PDB file of N, CA and C in Angstrom:
ATOM      1  N   MET A   1     -81.198 -58.349 -37.464  1.00  0.00           N
ATOM      2  CA  MET A   1     -80.487 -59.879 -37.224  1.00  0.00           C
ATOM      3  C   MET A   1     -81.075 -60.930 -36.735  1.00  0.00           C
ATOM      4  N   PRO A   2     -81.699 -62.223 -37.598  1.00  0.00           N
ATOM      5  CA  PRO A   2     -81.968 -63.303 -36.588  1.00  0.00           C
ATOM      6  C   PRO A   2     -81.917 -63.460 -35.837  1.00  0.00           C
ATOM      7  N   SER A   3     -82.247 -63.720 -34.829  1.00  0.00           N
ATOM      8  CA  SER A   3     -81.903 -64.571 -33.477  1.00  0.00           C
ATOM      9  C   SER A   3     -81.345 -66.023 -33.392  1.00  0.00           C
ATOM     10  N   LEU A   4     -79.863 -66.599 -33.106  1.00  0.00           N
ATOM     11  CA  LEU A   4     -79.734 -67.856 -33.360  1.00  0.00           C
ATOM     12  C   LEU A   4     -80.290 -68.969 -32.218  1.00  0.00           C
ATOM     13  N   HIS A   5     -80.772 -67.863 -30.829  1.00  0.00           N
ATOM     14  CA  HIS A   5     -81.187 -68.853 -30.675  1.00  0.00           C
ATOM     15  C   HIS A   5     -82.184 -70.110 -30.508  1.00  0.00           C
ATOM     16  N   GLY A   6     -81.662 -70.883 -30.427  1.00  0.00           N
ATOM     17  CA  GLY A   6     -83.383 -72.285 -30.852  1.00  0.00           C
ATOM     18  C   GLY A   6     -82.851 -72.872 -32.316  1.00  0.00           C
ATOM     19  N   ALA A   7     -81.505 -72.723 -32.561  1.00  0.00           N
ATOM     20  CA  ALA A   7     -80.942 -73.216 -34.369  1.00  0.00           C
ATOM     21  C   ALA A   7     -80.690 -74.308 -34.217  1.00  0.00           C
ATOM     22  N   SER A   8     -80.617 -74.961 -35.305  1.00  0.00           N
ATOM     23  CA  SER A   8     -79.679 -75.897 -35.187  1.00  0.00           C
ATOM     24  C   SER A   8     -78.298 -75.591 -35.620  1.00  0.00           C
ATOM     25  N   ALA A   9     -77.616 -76.514 -35.564  1.00  0.00           N
ATOM     26  CA  ALA A   9     -76.072 -76.468 -35.835  1.00  0.00           C
ATOM     27  C   ALA A   9     -75.944 -76.558 -37.433  1.00  0.00           C
ATOM     28  N   SER A  10     -76.942 -77.606 -38.059  1.00  0.00           N
ATOM     29  CA  SER A  10     -76.670 -77.585 -39.347  1.00  0.00           C
ATOM     30  C   SER A  10     -77.611 -76.481 -40.027  1.00  0.00           C
ATOM     31  N   GLN A  11     -78.483 -75.781 -39.222  1.00  0.00           N
ATOM     32  CA  GLN A  11     -78.523 -74.326 -39.409  1.00  0.00           C
ATOM     33  C   GLN A  11     -77.977 -73.157 -39.248  1.00  0.00           C
ATOM     34  N   LEU A  12     -77.506 -73.372 -38.595  1.00  0.00           N
ATOM     35  CA  LEU A  12     -76.563 -72.421 -38.110  1.00  0.00           C
ATOM     36  C   LEU A  12     -74.746 -72.241 -39.007  1.00  0.00           C
ATOM     37  N   ASP A  13     -74.758 -73.572 -39.286  1.00  0.00           N
ATOM     38  CA  ASP A  13     -74.120 -73.911 -40.847  1.00  0.00           C
ATOM     39  C   ASP A  13     -74.483 -73.442 -42.351  1.00  0.00           C
ATOM     40  N   THR A  14     -75.725 -73.650 -42.851  1.00  0.00           N
ATOM     41  CA  THR A  14     -76.234 -73.117 -43.856  1.00  0.00           C
ATOM     42  C   THR A  14     -76.611 -71.972 -44.004  1.00  0.00           C
ATOM     43  N   GLN A  15     -76.883 -71.053 -42.762  1.00  0.00           N
ATOM     44  CA  GLN A  15     -76.788 -69.434 -42.779  1.00  0.00           C
ATOM     45  C   GLN A  15     -75.611 -68.563 -42.944  1.00  0.00           C
ATOM     46  N   SER A  16     -74.197 -69.219 -42.312  1.00  0.00           N
ATOM     47  CA  SER A  16     -73.508 -68.892 -42.528  1.00  0.00           C
ATOM     48  C   SER A  16     -72.449 -69.037 -43.251  1.00  0.00           C
ATOM     49  N   GLN A  17     -72.884 -70.252 -44.677  1.00  0.00           N
ATOM     50  CA  GLN A  17     -72.176 -70.623 -45.667  1.00  0.00           C
ATOM     51  C   GLN A  17     -73.222 -70.905 -46.682  1.00  0.00           C
ATOM     52  N   GLY A  18     -74.250 -69.865 -47.175  1.00  0.00           N
ATOM     53  CA  GLY A  18     -74.578 -70.406 -47.561  1.00  0.00           C
ATOM     54  C   GLY A  18     -75.694 -71.833 -48.372  1.00  0.00           C
ATOM     55  N   SER A  19     -76.404 -72.160 -49.285  1.00  0.00           N
ATOM     56  CA  SER A  19     -77.098 -73.194 -49.686  1.00  0.00           C
ATOM     57  C   SER A  19     -76.537 -74.114 -50.439  1.00  0.00           C
ATOM     58  N   PRO A  20     -76.747 -75.448 -50.176  1.00  0.00           N
ATOM     59  CA  PRO A  20     -75.856 -76.001 -50.895  1.00  0.00           C
ATOM     60  C   PRO A  20     -75.289 -75.785 -52.275  1.00  0.00           C
ATOM     61  N   HIS A  21     -76.063 -75.481 -53.262  1.00  0.00           N
ATOM     62  CA  HIS A  21     -75.771 -74.931 -54.005  1.00  0.00           C
ATOM     63  C   HIS A  21     -74.356 -73.726 -54.611  1.00  0.00           C
ATOM     64  N   GLN A  22     -74.915 -72.732 -53.632  1.00  0.00           N
ATOM     65  CA  GLN A  22     -73.768 -71.884 -53.166  1.00  0.00           C
ATOM     66  C   GLN A  22     -72.598 -71.958 -53.702  1.00  0.00           C
ATOM     67  N   LEU A  23     -72.682 -73.305 -52.546  1.00  0.00           N
ATOM     68  CA  LEU A  23     -71.475 -73.920 -51.465  1.00  0.00           C
ATOM     69  C   LEU A  23     -70.394 -74.643 -52.858  1.00  0.00           C
ATOM     70  N   ALA A  24     -70.981 -75.684 -53.872  1.00  0.00           N
ATOM     71  CA  ALA A  24     -71.100 -76.371 -55.503  1.00  0.00           C
ATOM     72  C   ALA A  24     -70.399 -75.258 -56.336  1.00  0.00           C
ATOM     73  N   GLY A  25     -71.005 -73.771 -56.061  1.00  0.00           N
ATOM     74  CA  GLY A  25     -70.493 -72.903 -56.928  1.00  0.00           C
ATOM     75  C   GLY A  25     -69.153 -72.518 -56.718  1.00  0.00           C
ATOM     76  N   ASN A  26     -68.962 -71.994 -55.260  1.00  0.00           N
ATOM     77  CA  ASN A  26     -68.090 -71.390 -54.250  1.00  0.00           C
ATOM     78  C   ASN A  26     -66.812 -72.548 -55.143  1.00  0.00           C
ATOM     79  N   LEU A  27     -66.798 -73.462 -54.439  1.00  0.00           N
ATOM     80  CA  LEU A  27     -66.126 -74.631 -54.576  1.00  0.00           C
ATOM     81  C   LEU A  27     -65.720 -74.786 -56.005  1.00  0.00           C
ATOM     82  N   ALA A  28     -65.879 -74.742 -57.089  1.00  0.00           N
ATOM     83  CA  ALA A  28     -66.597 -75.089 -58.237  1.00  0.00           C
ATOM     84  C   ALA A  28     -65.468 -73.353 -58.452  1.00  0.00           C
ATOM     85  N   LYS A  29     -65.762 -72.336 -58.325  1.00  0.00           N
ATOM     86  CA  LYS A  29     -64.920 -71.207 -58.889  1.00  0.00           C
ATOM     87  C   LYS A  29     -63.743 -71.317 -57.767  1.00  0.00           C
ATOM     88  N   THR A  30     -63.523 -71.756 -57.026  1.00  0.00           N
ATOM     89  CA  THR A  30     -61.983 -71.845 -56.103  1.00  0.00           C
ATOM     90  C   THR A  30     -61.101 -72.895 -57.007  1.00  0.00           C
ATOM     91  N   LYS A  31     -61.870 -73.858 -57.429  1.00  0.00           N
ATOM     92  CA  LYS A  31     -61.120 -74.842 -57.995  1.00  0.00           C
ATOM     93  C   LYS A  31     -60.388 -74.468 -59.465  1.00  0.00           C
ATOM     94  N   GLU A  32     -61.421 -73.489 -60.609  1.00  0.00           N
ATOM     95  CA  GLU A  32     -60.736 -72.620 -61.276  1.00  0.00           C
ATOM     96  C   GLU A  32     -59.770 -72.108 -61.194  1.00  0.00           C
ATOM     97  N   GLU A  33     -60.347 -70.904 -59.805  1.00  0.00           N
ATOM     98  CA  GLU A  33     -58.574 -69.709 -60.086  1.00  0.00           C
ATOM     99  C   GLU A  33     -57.716 -70.491 -59.406  1.00  0.00           C
ATOM    100  N   GLU A  34     -57.879 -71.831 -58.827  1.00  0.00           N
ATOM    101  CA  GLU A  34     -56.309 -72.339 -58.214  1.00  0.00           C
ATOM    102  C   GLU A  34     -55.933 -72.707 -59.711  1.00  0.00           C
ATOM    103  N   ASP A  35     -56.706 -73.706 -60.972  1.00  0.00           N
ATOM    104  CA  ASP A  35     -56.263 -74.321 -61.570  1.00  0.00           C
ATOM    105  C   ASP A  35     -55.414 -72.815 -62.328  1.00  0.00           C
ATOM    106  N   ASP A  36     -56.495 -71.163 -62.139  1.00  0.00           N
ATOM    107  CA  ASP A  36     -55.314 -70.574 -62.783  1.00  0.00           C
ATOM    108  C   ASP A  36     -54.177 -69.900 -63.011  1.00  0.00           C
ATOM    109  N   MET A  37     -55.050 -69.564 -60.829  1.00  0.00           N
ATOM    110  CA  MET A  37     -52.935 -69.335 -60.590  1.00  0.00           C
ATOM    111  C   MET A  37     -51.842 -70.254 -60.836  1.00  0.00           C
ATOM    112  N   GLU A  38     -52.442 -71.684 -60.936  1.00  0.00           N
ATOM    113  CA  GLU A  38     -51.413 -72.912 -61.600  1.00  0.00           C
ATOM    114  C   GLU A  38     -50.563 -73.151 -62.573  1.00  0.00           C
ATOM    115  N   GLN A  39     -52.023 -72.434 -63.900  1.00  0.00           N
ATOM    116  CA  GLN A  39     -51.615 -72.380 -65.362  1.00  0.00           C
ATOM    117  C   GLN A  39     -50.822 -71.100 -65.306  1.00  0.00           C
ATOM    118  N   ARG A  40     -51.265 -69.895 -64.798  1.00  0.00           N
ATOM    119  CA  ARG A  40     -49.941 -68.702 -65.090  1.00  0.00           C
ATOM    120  C   ARG A  40     -48.498 -68.938 -63.858  1.00  0.00           C
ATOM    121  N   SER A  41     -48.466 -69.875 -63.523  1.00  0.00           N
ATOM    122  CA  SER A  41     -47.247 -69.971 -62.808  1.00  0.00           C
ATOM    123  C   SER A  41     -46.857 -70.474 -63.196  1.00  0.00           C
ATOM    124  N   GLU A  42     -47.283 -72.194 -64.476  1.00  0.00           N
ATOM    125  CA  GLU A  42     -46.392 -73.154 -64.785  1.00  0.00           C
ATOM    126  C   GLU A  42     -45.843 -71.606 -66.173  1.00  0.00           C
ATOM    127  N   PHE A  43     -46.513 -70.586 -66.859  1.00  0.00           N
ATOM    128  CA  PHE A  43     -46.475 -70.073 -67.957  1.00  0.00           C
ATOM    129  C   PHE A  43     -45.230 -69.181 -67.649  1.00  0.00           C
ATOM    130  N   LEU A  44     -45.670 -68.229 -66.331  1.00  0.00           N
ATOM    131  CA  LEU A  44     -43.873 -67.509 -65.753  1.00  0.00           C
ATOM    132  C   LEU A  44     -43.143 -68.324 -65.984  1.00  0.00           C
ATOM    133  N   LEU A  45     -42.747 -69.620 -65.388  1.00  0.00           N
ATOM    134  CA  LEU A  45     -41.942 -70.337 -64.676  1.00  0.00           C
ATOM    135  C   LEU A  45     -40.616 -71.049 -66.679  1.00  0.00           C
ATOM    136  N   ARG A  46     -41.743 -70.993 -67.377  1.00  0.00           N
ATOM    137  CA  ARG A  46     -41.543 -71.622 -69.216  1.00  0.00           C
ATOM    138  C   ARG A  46     -40.849 -70.287 -69.453  1.00  0.00           C
ATOM    139  N   LYS A  47     -41.692 -69.054 -69.037  1.00  0.00           N
ATOM    140  CA  LYS A  47     -41.440 -67.792 -69.806  1.00  0.00           C
ATOM    141  C   LYS A  47     -40.330 -67.959 -69.542  1.00  0.00           C
ATOM    142  N   GLN A  48     -39.492 -67.701 -68.527  1.00  0.00           N
ATOM    143  CA  GLN A  48     -38.730 -67.583 -67.975  1.00  0.00           C
ATOM    144  C   GLN A  48     -37.483 -68.185 -68.315  1.00  0.00           C
ATOM    145  N   GLU A  49     -37.604 -69.324 -68.348  1.00  0.00           N
ATOM    146  CA  GLU A  49     -36.909 -70.975 -69.372  1.00  0.00           C
ATOM    147  C   GLU A  49     -36.450 -70.263 -70.672  1.00  0.00           C
ATOM    148  N   VAL A  50     -37.534 -69.950 -71.090  1.00  0.00           N
ATOM    149  CA  VAL A  50     -37.322 -69.837 -72.811  1.00  0.00           C
ATOM    150  C   VAL A  50     -36.436 -68.000 -72.449  1.00  0.00           C
ATOM    151  N   LYS A  51     -36.336 -67.127 -71.753  1.00  0.00           N
ATOM    152  CA  LYS A  51     -36.159 -65.753 -71.537  1.00  0.00           C
ATOM    153  C   LYS A  51     -33.889 -66.247 -71.678  1.00  0.00           C
ATOM    154  N   GLU A  52     -34.285 -67.508 -70.710  1.00  0.00           N
ATOM    155  CA  GLU A  52     -32.547 -67.612 -70.427  1.00  0.00           C
ATOM    156  C   GLU A  52     -32.201 -68.348 -71.193  1.00  0.00           C
ATOM    157  N   ALA A  53     -32.754 -69.358 -71.803  1.00  0.00           N
ATOM    158  CA  ALA A  53     -32.123 -70.243 -73.355  1.00  0.00           C
ATOM    159  C   ALA A  53     -31.756 -68.925 -74.754  1.00  0.00           C
ATOM    160  N   GLN A  54     -33.153 -67.940 -74.661  1.00  0.00           N
ATOM    161  CA  GLN A  54     -32.518 -67.241 -75.891  1.00  0.00           C
ATOM    162  C   GLN A  54     -31.255 -66.390 -75.732  1.00  0.00           C
ATOM    163  N   LYS A  55     -31.025 -65.888 -73.986  1.00  0.00           N
ATOM    164  CA  LYS A  55     -29.533 -64.907 -73.788  1.00  0.00           C
ATOM    165  C   LYS A  55     -28.599 -65.790 -73.841  1.00  0.00           C
ATOM    166  N   ALA A  56     -28.369 -66.751 -73.069  1.00  0.00           N
ATOM    167  CA  ALA A  56     -27.492 -67.861 -73.389  1.00  0.00           C
ATOM    168  C   ALA A  56     -27.025 -67.793 -75.126  1.00  0.00           C
ATOM    169  N   TYR A  57     -28.122 -68.185 -75.688  1.00  0.00           N
ATOM    170  CA  TYR A  57     -27.756 -68.684 -77.238  1.00  0.00           C
ATOM    171  C   TYR A  57     -27.626 -66.522 -78.221  1.00  0.00           C
ATOM    172  N   MET A  58     -27.435 -66.057 -77.222  1.00  0.00           N
ATOM    173  CA  MET A  58     -27.299 -64.388 -77.988  1.00  0.00           C
ATOM    174  C   MET A  58     -25.750 -64.623 -77.198  1.00  0.00           C
ATOM    175  N   LEU A  59     -25.528 -65.065 -75.915  1.00  0.00           N
ATOM    176  CA  LEU A  59     -24.140 -64.548 -75.795  1.00  0.00           C
ATOM    177  C   LEU A  59     -23.387 -65.425 -76.667  1.00  0.00           C
ATOM    178  N   ARG A  60     -23.768 -66.760 -76.648  1.00  0.00           N
ATOM    179  CA  ARG A  60     -22.530 -67.706 -77.433  1.00  0.00           C
ATOM    180  C   ARG A  60     -22.351 -67.049 -79.549  1.00  0.00           C
ATOM    181  N   HIS A  61     -23.730 -66.260 -79.339  1.00  0.00           N
ATOM    182  CA  HIS A  61     -23.332 -65.902 -81.334  1.00  0.00           C
ATOM    183  C   HIS A  61     -23.331 -64.339 -81.030  1.00  0.00           C
ATOM    184  N   PRO A  62     -22.723 -63.877 -80.700  1.00  0.00           N
ATOM    185  CA  PRO A  62     -21.931 -62.082 -80.501  1.00  0.00           C
ATOM    186  C   PRO A  62     -22.758 -61.250 -81.637  1.00  0.00           C
ATOM    187  N   GLU A  63     -22.785 -61.899 -82.618  1.00  0.00           N
ATOM    188  CA  GLU A  63     -22.866 -61.225 -83.875  1.00  0.00           C
ATOM    189  C   GLU A  63     -24.245 -61.144 -84.281  1.00  0.00           C
ATOM    190  N   LEU A  64     -25.422 -61.786 -83.891  1.00  0.00           N
ATOM    191  CA  LEU A  64     -26.821 -61.756 -84.187  1.00  0.00           C
ATOM    192  C   LEU A  64     -27.275 -60.287 -83.880  1.00  0.00           C
ATOM    193  N   GLY A  65     -26.123 -59.947 -82.763  1.00  0.00           N
ATOM    194  CA  GLY A  65     -26.865 -58.502 -82.065  1.00  0.00           C
ATOM    195  C   GLY A  65     -26.270 -56.559 -83.286  1.00  0.00           C
ATOM    196  N   ASP A  66     -24.931 -57.613 -83.812  1.00  0.00           N
ATOM    197  CA  ASP A  66     -24.115 -56.676 -84.771  1.00  0.00           C
ATOM    198  C   ASP A  66     -25.641 -56.504 -85.789  1.00  0.00           C
ATOM    199  N   ILE A  67     -25.816 -58.109 -86.227  1.00  0.00           N
ATOM    200  CA  ILE A  67     -26.894 -58.122 -87.718  1.00  0.00           C
ATOM    201  C   ILE A  67     -28.124 -57.172 -87.671  1.00  0.00           C
ATOM    202  N   MET A  68     -28.207 -57.544 -86.147  1.00  0.00           N
ATOM    203  CA  MET A  68     -30.104 -57.010 -85.870  1.00  0.00           C
ATOM    204  C   MET A  68     -30.135 -55.326 -85.800  1.00  0.00           C
ATOM    205  N   ALA A  69     -28.729 -54.960 -85.158  1.00  0.00           N
ATOM    206  CA  ALA A  69     -28.138 -53.688 -85.507  1.00  0.00           C
ATOM    207  C   ALA A  69     -28.299 -53.428 -86.653  1.00  0.00           C
ATOM    208  N   ASP A  70     -27.428 -53.609 -86.882  1.00  0.00           N
ATOM    209  CA  ASP A  70     -27.483 -53.374 -89.120  1.00  0.00           C
ATOM    210  C   ASP A  70     -28.532 -53.348 -89.473  1.00  0.00           C
ATOM    211  N   TYR A  71     -29.408 -54.308 -89.460  1.00  0.00           N
ATOM    212  CA  TYR A  71     -30.720 -54.405 -89.973  1.00  0.00           C
ATOM    213  C   TYR A  71     -32.002 -53.256 -89.977  1.00  0.00           C
ATOM    214  N   LEU A  72     -31.853 -52.845 -87.992  1.00  0.00           N
ATOM    215  CA  LEU A  72     -32.510 -51.606 -87.792  1.00  0.00           C
ATOM    216  C   LEU A  72     -32.430 -50.809 -88.043  1.00  0.00           C
ATOM    217  N   GLN A  73     -31.263 -50.518 -87.921  1.00  0.00           N
ATOM    218  CA  GLN A  73     -30.465 -48.758 -88.509  1.00  0.00           C
ATOM    219  C   GLN A  73     -31.037 -48.561 -90.264  1.00  0.00           C
ATOM    220  N   LEU A  74     -30.579 -49.863 -90.878  1.00  0.00           N
ATOM    221  CA  LEU A  74     -31.193 -49.864 -92.353  1.00  0.00           C
ATOM    222  C   LEU A  74     -32.744 -49.046 -92.374  1.00  0.00           C
ATOM    223  N   ILE A  75     -33.428 -50.446 -92.165  1.00  0.00           N
ATOM    224  CA  ILE A  75     -34.980 -50.226 -92.317  1.00  0.00           C
ATOM    225  C   ILE A  75     -34.948 -48.251 -91.445  1.00  0.00           C
ATOM    226  N   LEU A  76     -34.449 -48.413 -90.321  1.00  0.00           N
ATOM    227  CA  LEU A  76     -35.592 -46.880 -89.695  1.00  0.00           C
ATOM    228  C   LEU A  76     -34.369 -45.469 -90.348  1.00  0.00           C
ATOM    229  N   HIS A  77     -33.709 -46.228 -91.348  1.00  0.00           N
ATOM    230  CA  HIS A  77     -32.716 -44.533 -92.683  1.00  0.00           C
ATOM    231  C   HIS A  77     -34.225 -45.283 -93.729  1.00  0.00           C
ATOM    232  N   ARG A  78     -34.213 -45.907 -94.058  1.00  0.00           N
ATOM    233  CA  ARG A  78     -34.602 -46.315 -95.550  1.00  0.00           C
ATOM    234  C   ARG A  78     -36.872 -46.269 -95.104  1.00  0.00           C
ATOM    235  N   LYS A  79     -36.871 -46.464 -93.476  1.00  0.00           N
ATOM    236  CA  LYS A  79     -38.695 -46.397 -93.878  1.00  0.00           C
ATOM    237  C   LYS A  79     -39.410 -47.157 -95.253  1.00  0.00           C
ATOM    238  N   PRO A  80     -38.769 -47.891 -95.228  1.00  0.00           N
ATOM    239  CA  PRO A  80     -39.577 -49.002 -96.164  1.00  0.00           C
ATOM    240  C   PRO A  80     -41.292 -49.059 -96.301  1.00  0.00           C
ATOM    241  N   GLU A  81     -41.789 -48.941 -97.239  1.00  0.00           N
ATOM    242  CA  GLU A  81     -43.670 -49.195 -96.589  1.00  0.00           C
ATOM    243  C   GLU A  81     -43.852 -50.614 -96.595  1.00  0.00           C
ATOM    244  N   ASP A  82     -43.576 -51.165 -97.324  1.00  0.00           N
ATOM    245  CA  ASP A  82     -43.353 -52.566 -97.292  1.00  0.00           C
ATOM    246  C   ASP A  82     -42.644 -53.436 -96.407  1.00  0.00           C
ATOM    247  N   VAL A  83     -43.132 -53.328 -94.881  1.00  0.00           N
ATOM    248  CA  VAL A  83     -41.725 -53.697 -93.875  1.00  0.00           C
ATOM    249  C   VAL A  83     -41.117 -55.692 -94.400  1.00  0.00           C
ATOM    250  N   TYR A  84     -42.500 -56.084 -94.382  1.00  0.00           N
ATOM    251  CA  TYR A  84     -42.145 -57.446 -94.828  1.00  0.00           C
ATOM    252  C   TYR A  84     -41.245 -57.940 -95.970  1.00  0.00           C
ATOM    253  N   ALA A  85     -41.601 -56.640 -97.000  1.00  0.00           N
ATOM    254  CA  ALA A  85     -41.103 -57.657 -97.972  1.00  0.00           C
ATOM    255  C   ALA A  85     -39.220 -56.838 -97.988  1.00  0.00           C
ATOM    256  N   PHE A  86     -39.074 -55.717 -97.720  1.00  0.00           N
ATOM    257  CA  PHE A  86     -38.091 -55.676 -97.262  1.00  0.00           C
ATOM    258  C   PHE A  86     -37.006 -56.348 -96.005  1.00  0.00           C
ATOM    259  N   THR A  87     -37.898 -57.033 -95.397  1.00  0.00           N
ATOM    260  CA  THR A  87     -36.681 -57.546 -94.465  1.00  0.00           C
ATOM    261  C   THR A  87     -36.857 -59.588 -95.302  1.00  0.00           C
ATOM    262  N   ALA A  88     -37.539 -59.862 -95.862  1.00  0.00           N
ATOM    263  CA  ALA A  88     -37.147 -60.559 -97.094  1.00  0.00           C
ATOM    264  C   ALA A  88     -36.590 -60.814 -97.672  1.00  0.00           C
ATOM    265  N   GLU A  89     -35.948 -59.209 -98.480  1.00  0.00           N
ATOM    266  CA  GLU A  89     -35.243 -59.267 -99.306  1.00  0.00           C
ATOM    267  C   GLU A  89     -33.663 -59.030 -98.519  1.00  0.00           C
ATOM    268  N   TYR A  90     -33.976 -58.118 -97.402  1.00  0.00           N
ATOM    269  CA  TYR A  90     -32.384 -57.973 -96.431  1.00  0.00           C
ATOM    270  C   TYR A  90     -32.473 -58.945 -96.061  1.00  0.00           C
ATOM    271  N   PHE A  91     -32.435 -60.161 -95.730  1.00  0.00           N
ATOM    272  CA  PHE A  91     -32.132 -61.157 -95.110  1.00  0.00           C
ATOM    273  C   PHE A  91     -32.251 -63.043 -96.060  1.00  0.00           C
ATOM    274  N   SER A  92     -32.483 -62.289 -97.010  1.00  0.00           N
ATOM    275  CA  SER A  92     -31.909 -63.367 -98.382  1.00  0.00           C
ATOM    276  C   SER A  92     -31.095 -63.020 -99.014  1.00  0.00           C
ATOM    277  N   LEU A  93     -30.290 -62.058 -98.841  1.00  0.00           N
ATOM    278  CA  LEU A  93     -28.575 -61.206 -99.348  1.00  0.00           C
ATOM    279  C   LEU A  93     -27.937 -62.336 -99.049  1.00  0.00           C
TER     280      LEU A  93
END
């Protein structure tokens, strides 16, 4: 370990934190991480808002649960090869 005796404050600061280039890289990384956390937080908030709106809609339209249950039961019973075509036909009736 190098002796700190006789080192200036700026030398000590540079030794403990790295070069100015490293510091700039660390600051950029920290800013990226902060932006990522903020974006994730906004995503989670929006996700919760969407879930609540969907739940409220489902509560106002209980027939949706019956329709989906009927559709799932029929598709699992018939096991069509082309699920998309079956679904299009089912909901076009």
